[in-house]
Amino acid sequence: MATYLAHITVRDDLDDDQVTGMADALGAVGEPQLRSDAVVFAVPGEAPDGATAEIAASQHAAELLDGYMYEVEVTEVQ
């Protein structure tokens, strides 16, 4: 199985406790990237292919980020 990294971007005004809680719930690694209009979490995972990784990451984000505006982008880790 290949290893993938999902970059989950949450476009909302979040306080520090929300960022910490989201990072923990998502299983993010490293420090979240704080931008002026968003926070980006890096979430690792494994899947047999990119399409499956994209679906799994999107479902994971949907379950945890209900009510927030977010985007998911998945890349394969070499």
N, C-alpha and C. Protein backbone atom coordinates (compact mmCIF):
# COMPACT_ATOMS: atom_id res chain seq x y z
N MET A 1 0.85 -1.19 0.00
CA MET A 1 0.00 0.00 0.00
C MET A 1 0.88 1.24 0.00
N ALA A 2 0.39 2.24 -0.66
CA ALA A 2 1.11 3.51 -0.74
C ALA A 2 0.73 4.40 0.44
N THR A 3 1.64 5.29 0.78
CA THR A 3 1.40 6.26 1.85
C THR A 3 0.99 7.59 1.21
N TYR A 4 -0.03 8.19 1.78
CA TYR A 4 -0.55 9.45 1.28
C TYR A 4 -0.60 10.49 2.40
N LEU A 5 -0.58 11.75 2.00
CA LEU A 5 -0.71 12.85 2.95
C LEU A 5 -1.87 13.72 2.48
N ALA A 6 -2.88 13.82 3.34
CA ALA A 6 -4.03 14.68 3.04
C ALA A 6 -3.79 16.05 3.67
N HIS A 7 -3.90 17.07 2.85
CA HIS A 7 -3.82 18.45 3.35
C HIS A 7 -5.26 18.92 3.47
N ILE A 8 -5.71 19.07 4.70
CA ILE A 8 -7.09 19.48 4.97
C ILE A 8 -7.07 20.94 5.38
N THR A 9 -7.65 21.77 4.54
CA THR A 9 -7.67 23.21 4.76
C THR A 9 -9.03 23.61 5.31
N VAL A 10 -9.05 24.18 6.49
CA VAL A 10 -10.29 24.65 7.12
C VAL A 10 -10.32 26.17 6.99
N ARG A 11 -11.36 26.64 6.31
CA ARG A 11 -11.50 28.09 6.07
C ARG A 11 -12.53 28.64 7.05
N ASP A 12 -12.02 29.01 8.20
CA ASP A 12 -12.88 29.55 9.25
C ASP A 12 -11.99 30.30 10.24
N ASP A 13 -12.58 31.14 11.05
CA ASP A 13 -11.84 31.85 12.08
C ASP A 13 -11.80 30.95 13.32
N LEU A 14 -10.66 30.29 13.55
CA LEU A 14 -10.53 29.32 14.63
C LEU A 14 -9.63 29.86 15.73
N ASP A 15 -10.00 29.56 16.97
CA ASP A 15 -9.12 29.94 18.07
C ASP A 15 -8.13 28.79 18.31
N ASP A 16 -7.16 29.02 19.17
CA ASP A 16 -6.10 28.04 19.42
C ASP A 16 -6.64 26.70 19.90
N ASP A 17 -7.65 26.73 20.76
CA ASP A 17 -8.22 25.48 21.27
C ASP A 17 -8.91 24.68 20.16
N GLN A 18 -9.58 25.37 19.25
CA GLN A 18 -10.22 24.69 18.14
C GLN A 18 -9.18 24.06 17.21
N VAL A 19 -8.10 24.78 16.95
CA VAL A 19 -7.04 24.25 16.09
C VAL A 19 -6.42 23.01 16.72
N THR A 20 -6.13 23.08 18.00
CA THR A 20 -5.55 21.94 18.71
C THR A 20 -6.50 20.75 18.70
N GLY A 21 -7.78 20.99 18.96
CA GLY A 21 -8.77 19.92 18.98
C GLY A 21 -8.95 19.29 17.61
N MET A 22 -8.98 20.11 16.56
CA MET A 22 -9.11 19.58 15.20
C MET A 22 -7.90 18.76 14.81
N ALA A 23 -6.71 19.26 15.13
CA ALA A 23 -5.49 18.52 14.80
C ALA A 23 -5.50 17.15 15.46
N ASP A 24 -5.90 17.12 16.72
CA ASP A 24 -5.95 15.85 17.45
C ASP A 24 -7.00 14.91 16.85
N ALA A 25 -8.18 15.43 16.60
CA ALA A 25 -9.26 14.60 16.06
C ALA A 25 -8.95 14.08 14.66
N LEU A 26 -8.31 14.90 13.84
CA LEU A 26 -7.98 14.49 12.48
C LEU A 26 -6.79 13.53 12.42
N GLY A 27 -5.99 13.51 13.48
CA GLY A 27 -4.77 12.69 13.47
C GLY A 27 -3.66 13.38 12.69
N ALA A 28 -3.65 14.70 12.73
CA ALA A 28 -2.67 15.49 11.99
C ALA A 28 -1.27 15.31 12.58
N VAL A 29 -0.28 15.46 11.70
CA VAL A 29 1.11 15.41 12.12
C VAL A 29 1.72 16.79 11.95
N GLY A 30 2.73 17.08 12.76
CA GLY A 30 3.38 18.38 12.68
C GLY A 30 2.48 19.49 13.17
N GLU A 31 2.98 20.69 13.01
CA GLU A 31 2.21 21.88 13.41
C GLU A 31 1.29 22.28 12.27
N PRO A 32 0.05 22.62 12.57
CA PRO A 32 -0.85 23.12 11.52
C PRO A 32 -0.29 24.41 10.92
N GLN A 33 -0.47 24.58 9.62
CA GLN A 33 -0.04 25.81 8.96
C GLN A 33 -1.14 26.86 9.14
N LEU A 34 -0.79 27.94 9.81
CA LEU A 34 -1.75 29.01 10.04
C LEU A 34 -1.63 30.03 8.93
N ARG A 35 -2.72 30.28 8.23
CA ARG A 35 -2.77 31.30 7.19
C ARG A 35 -3.73 32.38 7.63
N SER A 36 -3.75 33.48 6.92
CA SER A 36 -4.62 34.58 7.31
C SER A 36 -6.10 34.21 7.22
N ASP A 37 -6.45 33.30 6.29
CA ASP A 37 -7.85 32.96 6.09
C ASP A 37 -8.16 31.48 6.31
N ALA A 38 -7.17 30.71 6.79
CA ALA A 38 -7.38 29.27 6.92
C ALA A 38 -6.31 28.62 7.78
N VAL A 39 -6.57 27.36 8.11
CA VAL A 39 -5.60 26.52 8.81
C VAL A 39 -5.48 25.23 8.01
N VAL A 40 -4.23 24.78 7.77
CA VAL A 40 -4.01 23.57 6.97
C VAL A 40 -3.41 22.49 7.88
N PHE A 41 -4.08 21.34 7.89
CA PHE A 41 -3.64 20.20 8.68
C PHE A 41 -3.08 19.14 7.73
N ALA A 42 -1.98 18.50 8.12
CA ALA A 42 -1.40 17.41 7.34
C ALA A 42 -1.76 16.10 8.03
N VAL A 43 -2.50 15.25 7.31
CA VAL A 43 -3.02 14.00 7.88
C VAL A 43 -2.51 12.82 7.05
N PRO A 44 -1.67 11.96 7.62
CA PRO A 44 -1.13 10.82 6.88
C PRO A 44 -2.11 9.65 6.82
N GLY A 45 -1.93 8.81 5.82
CA GLY A 45 -2.74 7.61 5.71
C GLY A 45 -2.18 6.69 4.64
N GLU A 46 -2.73 5.50 4.57
CA GLU A 46 -2.34 4.53 3.55
C GLU A 46 -3.57 4.10 2.76
N ALA A 47 -3.35 3.82 1.49
CA ALA A 47 -4.44 3.37 0.62
C ALA A 47 -3.83 2.65 -0.58
N PRO A 48 -4.61 1.82 -1.25
CA PRO A 48 -4.08 1.11 -2.41
C PRO A 48 -3.83 2.01 -3.62
N ASP A 49 -4.54 3.15 -3.69
CA ASP A 49 -4.35 4.07 -4.82
C ASP A 49 -4.83 5.47 -4.44
N GLY A 50 -4.53 6.43 -5.31
CA GLY A 50 -4.86 7.82 -5.03
C GLY A 50 -6.35 8.10 -4.92
N ALA A 51 -7.14 7.46 -5.76
CA ALA A 51 -8.59 7.68 -5.70
C ALA A 51 -9.16 7.22 -4.37
N THR A 52 -8.71 6.07 -3.91
CA THR A 52 -9.19 5.56 -2.63
C THR A 52 -8.74 6.46 -1.49
N ALA A 53 -7.50 6.96 -1.57
CA ALA A 53 -6.98 7.87 -0.54
C ALA A 53 -7.80 9.15 -0.49
N GLU A 54 -8.16 9.67 -1.67
CA GLU A 54 -8.96 10.90 -1.75
C GLU A 54 -10.34 10.70 -1.12
N ILE A 55 -10.96 9.58 -1.42
CA ILE A 55 -12.29 9.27 -0.86
C ILE A 55 -12.20 9.12 0.66
N ALA A 56 -11.22 8.37 1.12
CA ALA A 56 -11.07 8.14 2.57
C ALA A 56 -10.80 9.44 3.32
N ALA A 57 -9.93 10.27 2.78
CA ALA A 57 -9.60 11.54 3.44
C ALA A 57 -10.81 12.47 3.46
N SER A 58 -11.56 12.49 2.37
CA SER A 58 -12.75 13.34 2.31
C SER A 58 -13.82 12.88 3.30
N GLN A 59 -14.01 11.57 3.41
CA GLN A 59 -14.99 11.03 4.37
C GLN A 59 -14.55 11.33 5.81
N HIS A 60 -13.26 11.17 6.08
CA HIS A 60 -12.72 11.44 7.41
C HIS A 60 -12.97 12.90 7.79
N ALA A 61 -12.66 13.80 6.88
CA ALA A 61 -12.86 15.23 7.14
C ALA A 61 -14.35 15.55 7.33
N ALA A 62 -15.20 14.96 6.50
CA ALA A 62 -16.64 15.22 6.60
C ALA A 62 -17.21 14.80 7.95
N GLU A 63 -16.73 13.67 8.45
CA GLU A 63 -17.22 13.17 9.75
C GLU A 63 -16.83 14.09 10.90
N LEU A 64 -15.65 14.71 10.79
CA LEU A 64 -15.13 15.50 11.91
C LEU A 64 -15.35 17.00 11.78
N LEU A 65 -15.55 17.48 10.57
CA LEU A 65 -15.61 18.93 10.36
C LEU A 65 -16.98 19.41 9.91
N ASP A 66 -18.01 18.71 10.31
CA ASP A 66 -19.37 19.10 9.96
C ASP A 66 -19.64 20.53 10.43
N GLY A 67 -20.09 21.37 9.53
CA GLY A 67 -20.39 22.75 9.88
C GLY A 67 -19.26 23.72 9.54
N TYR A 68 -18.09 23.20 9.18
CA TYR A 68 -16.96 24.04 8.80
C TYR A 68 -16.76 23.98 7.29
N MET A 69 -16.23 25.05 6.73
CA MET A 69 -15.86 25.05 5.31
C MET A 69 -14.44 24.49 5.22
N TYR A 70 -14.25 23.46 4.40
CA TYR A 70 -12.93 22.85 4.29
C TYR A 70 -12.72 22.30 2.89
N GLU A 71 -11.45 22.04 2.58
CA GLU A 71 -11.05 21.43 1.32
C GLU A 71 -10.05 20.33 1.63
N VAL A 72 -10.01 19.30 0.80
CA VAL A 72 -9.08 18.19 0.99
C VAL A 72 -8.27 18.00 -0.29
N GLU A 73 -6.96 17.94 -0.14
CA GLU A 73 -6.06 17.65 -1.26
C GLU A 73 -5.11 16.54 -0.81
N VAL A 74 -5.02 15.48 -1.60
CA VAL A 74 -4.21 14.32 -1.22
C VAL A 74 -3.05 14.17 -2.19
N THR A 75 -1.85 13.92 -1.62
CA THR A 75 -0.67 13.67 -2.42
C THR A 75 0.00 12.39 -1.93
N GLU A 76 0.66 11.69 -2.86
CA GLU A 76 1.37 10.47 -2.50
C GLU A 76 2.73 10.86 -1.93
N VAL A 77 3.12 10.19 -0.85
CA VAL A 77 4.41 10.42 -0.22
C VAL A 77 5.40 9.44 -0.81
N GLN A 78 6.50 9.92 -1.30
CA GLN A 78 7.52 9.06 -1.91
C GLN A 78 8.46 8.50 -0.87
